[in-house]
Amino acid sequence: MIELEPGNTLDISLKEDAQGRDRVEVTLQSPGCSLNLTPHQARVLATELIMAVNRAEVRSNLKHSQNVVRDAPPAEHRRGLFNQAFAK
């Protein structure tokens, strides 16, 4: 069970249909709101979720690294400090 927000949950469980085949059931707390997926469909959904999360993380990291680069001191200043430290 995954808590999406206080009082709202998402439950993922393995069920068996009338023919004895495995089904992955994704149920939101709201009554009547569920997905009944084959294992293949569940795998595709999981892959799509993982890919979307990876894209979001890459975007976040790119934004963060761009901000770090913008806030970095100019190259001449950094070189000057390096040279001063080893000028002896």
N, C-alpha and C. Protein backbone atom coordinates (compact mmCIF):
# COMPACT_ATOMS: atom_id res chain seq x y z
N MET A 1 0.85 -1.18 0.00
CA MET A 1 0.00 0.00 0.00
C MET A 1 0.90 1.25 0.00
N ILE A 2 0.51 2.22 -0.81
CA ILE A 2 1.27 3.46 -0.93
C ILE A 2 0.35 4.60 -0.51
N GLU A 3 0.80 5.43 0.41
CA GLU A 3 0.00 6.59 0.81
C GLU A 3 0.35 7.74 -0.12
N LEU A 4 -0.61 8.16 -0.94
CA LEU A 4 -0.39 9.24 -1.89
C LEU A 4 -0.45 10.59 -1.20
N GLU A 5 -1.39 10.76 -0.34
CA GLU A 5 -1.55 11.95 0.49
C GLU A 5 -2.34 11.50 1.70
N PRO A 6 -2.39 12.26 2.75
CA PRO A 6 -3.08 11.80 3.95
C PRO A 6 -4.51 11.33 3.65
N GLY A 7 -4.76 10.06 3.99
CA GLY A 7 -6.09 9.50 3.80
C GLY A 7 -6.38 8.97 2.41
N ASN A 8 -5.44 9.08 1.47
CA ASN A 8 -5.65 8.60 0.11
C ASN A 8 -4.54 7.60 -0.22
N THR A 9 -4.92 6.35 -0.49
CA THR A 9 -3.93 5.31 -0.70
C THR A 9 -4.08 4.62 -2.05
N LEU A 10 -3.02 3.97 -2.45
CA LEU A 10 -2.96 3.18 -3.67
C LEU A 10 -2.50 1.79 -3.25
N ASP A 11 -3.26 0.78 -3.63
CA ASP A 11 -2.94 -0.59 -3.24
C ASP A 11 -2.67 -1.41 -4.50
N ILE A 12 -1.60 -2.19 -4.48
CA ILE A 12 -1.24 -3.05 -5.60
C ILE A 12 -1.21 -4.48 -5.09
N SER A 13 -2.00 -5.35 -5.74
CA SER A 13 -2.06 -6.73 -5.29
C SER A 13 -2.17 -7.70 -6.46
N LEU A 14 -1.78 -8.94 -6.22
CA LEU A 14 -1.87 -9.99 -7.20
C LEU A 14 -3.15 -10.77 -6.96
N LYS A 15 -3.99 -10.88 -7.97
CA LYS A 15 -5.27 -11.60 -7.87
C LYS A 15 -5.30 -12.68 -8.93
N GLU A 16 -6.27 -13.52 -8.85
CA GLU A 16 -6.48 -14.56 -9.85
C GLU A 16 -7.87 -14.36 -10.45
N ASP A 17 -7.95 -14.40 -11.79
CA ASP A 17 -9.27 -14.23 -12.41
C ASP A 17 -10.03 -15.55 -12.43
N ALA A 18 -11.23 -15.57 -13.03
CA ALA A 18 -12.10 -16.75 -13.04
C ALA A 18 -11.46 -17.94 -13.76
N GLN A 19 -10.57 -17.66 -14.70
CA GLN A 19 -9.90 -18.73 -15.44
C GLN A 19 -8.59 -19.18 -14.78
N GLY A 20 -8.27 -18.62 -13.62
CA GLY A 20 -7.07 -19.00 -12.89
C GLY A 20 -5.81 -18.28 -13.32
N ARG A 21 -5.96 -17.25 -14.14
CA ARG A 21 -4.80 -16.48 -14.59
C ARG A 21 -4.50 -15.37 -13.59
N ASP A 22 -3.21 -15.07 -13.46
CA ASP A 22 -2.79 -14.00 -12.56
C ASP A 22 -3.18 -12.65 -13.14
N ARG A 23 -3.61 -11.75 -12.27
CA ARG A 23 -3.92 -10.37 -12.63
C ARG A 23 -3.30 -9.48 -11.57
N VAL A 24 -2.81 -8.33 -11.99
CA VAL A 24 -2.28 -7.34 -11.06
C VAL A 24 -3.35 -6.27 -10.93
N GLU A 25 -3.80 -6.07 -9.71
CA GLU A 25 -4.87 -5.09 -9.47
C GLU A 25 -4.30 -3.87 -8.76
N VAL A 26 -4.51 -2.72 -9.37
CA VAL A 26 -4.09 -1.44 -8.80
C VAL A 26 -5.36 -0.72 -8.40
N THR A 27 -5.53 -0.47 -7.10
CA THR A 27 -6.77 0.10 -6.59
C THR A 27 -6.51 1.40 -5.84
N LEU A 28 -7.24 2.44 -6.22
CA LEU A 28 -7.23 3.69 -5.46
C LEU A 28 -8.25 3.56 -4.35
N GLN A 29 -8.07 4.30 -3.32
CA GLN A 29 -8.97 4.21 -2.17
C GLN A 29 -10.42 4.49 -2.56
N SER A 30 -10.63 5.35 -3.55
CA SER A 30 -11.98 5.67 -3.99
C SER A 30 -12.67 4.39 -4.45
N PRO A 31 -13.92 4.17 -4.05
CA PRO A 31 -14.61 2.94 -4.45
C PRO A 31 -14.79 2.86 -5.97
N GLY A 32 -14.55 1.67 -6.49
CA GLY A 32 -14.75 1.45 -7.91
C GLY A 32 -13.64 1.98 -8.79
N CYS A 33 -12.54 2.42 -8.23
CA CYS A 33 -11.45 2.99 -9.01
C CYS A 33 -10.26 2.03 -8.97
N SER A 34 -10.19 1.12 -9.97
CA SER A 34 -9.09 0.17 -9.98
C SER A 34 -8.72 -0.21 -11.41
N LEU A 35 -7.49 -0.65 -11.57
CA LEU A 35 -7.00 -1.19 -12.83
C LEU A 35 -6.77 -2.67 -12.63
N ASN A 36 -7.26 -3.48 -13.56
CA ASN A 36 -7.06 -4.91 -13.50
C ASN A 36 -6.19 -5.27 -14.70
N LEU A 37 -4.89 -5.53 -14.46
CA LEU A 37 -3.91 -5.67 -15.52
C LEU A 37 -3.35 -7.09 -15.60
N THR A 38 -2.98 -7.48 -16.82
CA THR A 38 -2.22 -8.71 -16.96
C THR A 38 -0.81 -8.42 -16.45
N PRO A 39 -0.04 -9.46 -16.14
CA PRO A 39 1.34 -9.21 -15.72
C PRO A 39 2.13 -8.41 -16.75
N HIS A 40 1.90 -8.68 -18.03
CA HIS A 40 2.60 -7.92 -19.07
C HIS A 40 2.21 -6.45 -19.03
N GLN A 41 0.91 -6.17 -18.92
CA GLN A 41 0.45 -4.78 -18.86
C GLN A 41 1.01 -4.08 -17.62
N ALA A 42 1.06 -4.78 -16.50
CA ALA A 42 1.61 -4.20 -15.27
C ALA A 42 3.10 -3.89 -15.44
N ARG A 43 3.83 -4.79 -16.14
CA ARG A 43 5.25 -4.56 -16.38
C ARG A 43 5.47 -3.34 -17.26
N VAL A 44 4.63 -3.19 -18.31
CA VAL A 44 4.74 -2.02 -19.18
C VAL A 44 4.44 -0.75 -18.39
N LEU A 45 3.40 -0.78 -17.55
CA LEU A 45 3.07 0.38 -16.72
C LEU A 45 4.23 0.71 -15.78
N ALA A 46 4.80 -0.30 -15.15
CA ALA A 46 5.93 -0.07 -14.24
C ALA A 46 7.12 0.53 -14.98
N THR A 47 7.38 0.03 -16.18
CA THR A 47 8.49 0.57 -16.98
C THR A 47 8.24 2.02 -17.34
N GLU A 48 7.02 2.35 -17.74
CA GLU A 48 6.68 3.74 -18.07
C GLU A 48 6.83 4.64 -16.85
N LEU A 49 6.41 4.16 -15.69
CA LEU A 49 6.57 4.94 -14.46
C LEU A 49 8.04 5.19 -14.15
N ILE A 50 8.85 4.15 -14.26
CA ILE A 50 10.28 4.28 -13.98
C ILE A 50 10.93 5.26 -14.95
N MET A 51 10.58 5.16 -16.23
CA MET A 51 11.15 6.08 -17.22
C MET A 51 10.75 7.52 -16.93
N ALA A 52 9.49 7.74 -16.54
CA ALA A 52 9.03 9.10 -16.23
C ALA A 52 9.77 9.64 -15.00
N VAL A 53 9.97 8.81 -13.99
CA VAL A 53 10.71 9.23 -12.80
C VAL A 53 12.15 9.56 -13.16
N ASN A 54 12.77 8.73 -13.99
CA ASN A 54 14.15 9.00 -14.41
C ASN A 54 14.25 10.34 -15.15
N ARG A 55 13.29 10.60 -16.05
CA ARG A 55 13.30 11.88 -16.78
C ARG A 55 13.15 13.05 -15.80
N ALA A 56 12.27 12.90 -14.82
CA ALA A 56 12.07 13.96 -13.82
C ALA A 56 13.35 14.19 -13.02
N GLU A 57 14.04 13.11 -12.66
CA GLU A 57 15.28 13.26 -11.90
C GLU A 57 16.37 13.92 -12.73
N VAL A 58 16.46 13.55 -14.01
CA VAL A 58 17.45 14.16 -14.89
C VAL A 58 17.17 15.65 -15.03
N ARG A 59 15.91 16.02 -15.24
CA ARG A 59 15.54 17.44 -15.34
C ARG A 59 15.93 18.19 -14.08
N SER A 60 15.61 17.60 -12.95
CA SER A 60 15.93 18.24 -11.67
C SER A 60 17.44 18.42 -11.51
N ASN A 61 18.20 17.38 -11.87
CA ASN A 61 19.66 17.46 -11.76
C ASN A 61 20.22 18.50 -12.72
N LEU A 62 19.66 18.58 -13.94
CA LEU A 62 20.14 19.58 -14.89
C LEU A 62 19.86 20.99 -14.38
N LYS A 63 18.67 21.21 -13.83
CA LYS A 63 18.34 22.53 -13.28
C LYS A 63 19.29 22.87 -12.14
N HIS A 64 19.55 21.88 -11.29
CA HIS A 64 20.43 22.10 -10.14
C HIS A 64 21.85 22.40 -10.62
N SER A 65 22.35 21.64 -11.59
CA SER A 65 23.72 21.85 -12.05
C SER A 65 23.85 23.18 -12.79
N GLN A 66 22.82 23.62 -13.50
CA GLN A 66 22.87 24.93 -14.15
C GLN A 66 22.93 26.04 -13.12
N ASN A 67 22.21 25.87 -12.02
CA ASN A 67 22.26 26.88 -10.96
C ASN A 67 23.63 26.90 -10.29
N VAL A 68 24.25 25.76 -10.13
CA VAL A 68 25.57 25.69 -9.52
C VAL A 68 26.58 26.37 -10.43
N VAL A 69 26.50 26.13 -11.73
CA VAL A 69 27.43 26.74 -12.68
C VAL A 69 27.25 28.25 -12.69
N ARG A 70 26.01 28.73 -12.64
CA ARG A 70 25.76 30.18 -12.64
C ARG A 70 26.33 30.84 -11.40
N ASP A 71 26.29 30.12 -10.27
CA ASP A 71 26.77 30.70 -9.01
C ASP A 71 28.27 30.53 -8.80
N ALA A 72 28.94 29.82 -9.69
CA ALA A 72 30.38 29.57 -9.54
C ALA A 72 31.16 30.84 -9.83
N PRO A 73 32.30 31.04 -9.15
CA PRO A 73 33.13 32.22 -9.42
C PRO A 73 33.76 32.11 -10.81
N PRO A 74 34.14 33.22 -11.41
CA PRO A 74 34.77 33.18 -12.73
C PRO A 74 36.04 32.34 -12.71
N ALA A 75 36.40 31.77 -13.86
CA ALA A 75 37.55 30.87 -13.96
C ALA A 75 38.84 31.58 -13.56
N GLU A 76 39.01 32.85 -13.94
CA GLU A 76 40.24 33.57 -13.60
C GLU A 76 40.40 33.67 -12.09
N HIS A 77 39.31 33.88 -11.40
CA HIS A 77 39.36 34.01 -9.95
C HIS A 77 39.77 32.69 -9.32
N ARG A 78 39.22 31.60 -9.81
CA ARG A 78 39.59 30.30 -9.26
C ARG A 78 41.05 29.99 -9.54
N ARG A 79 41.52 30.27 -10.75
CA ARG A 79 42.92 30.04 -11.10
C ARG A 79 43.83 30.89 -10.23
N GLY A 80 43.43 32.12 -9.99
CA GLY A 80 44.24 33.02 -9.18
C GLY A 80 44.41 32.48 -7.77
N LEU A 81 43.37 31.96 -7.19
CA LEU A 81 43.46 31.39 -5.85
C LEU A 81 44.36 30.15 -5.86
N PHE A 82 44.25 29.34 -6.91
CA PHE A 82 45.09 28.14 -7.03
C PHE A 82 46.56 28.54 -7.14
N ASN A 83 46.84 29.51 -8.00
CA ASN A 83 48.22 29.96 -8.17
C ASN A 83 48.77 30.57 -6.90
N GLN A 84 47.95 31.32 -6.17
CA GLN A 84 48.41 31.93 -4.92
C GLN A 84 48.79 30.85 -3.90
N ALA A 85 48.04 29.77 -3.88
CA ALA A 85 48.29 28.73 -2.91
C ALA A 85 49.60 28.02 -3.18
N PHE A 86 49.98 27.88 -4.46
CA PHE A 86 51.18 27.13 -4.81
C PHE A 86 52.25 28.04 -5.40
N ALA A 87 52.25 29.32 -5.10
CA ALA A 87 53.20 30.28 -5.68
C ALA A 87 54.59 30.16 -5.08
N LYS A 88 54.78 29.50 -3.98
CA LYS A 88 56.07 29.44 -3.28
C LYS A 88 57.10 28.65 -4.01
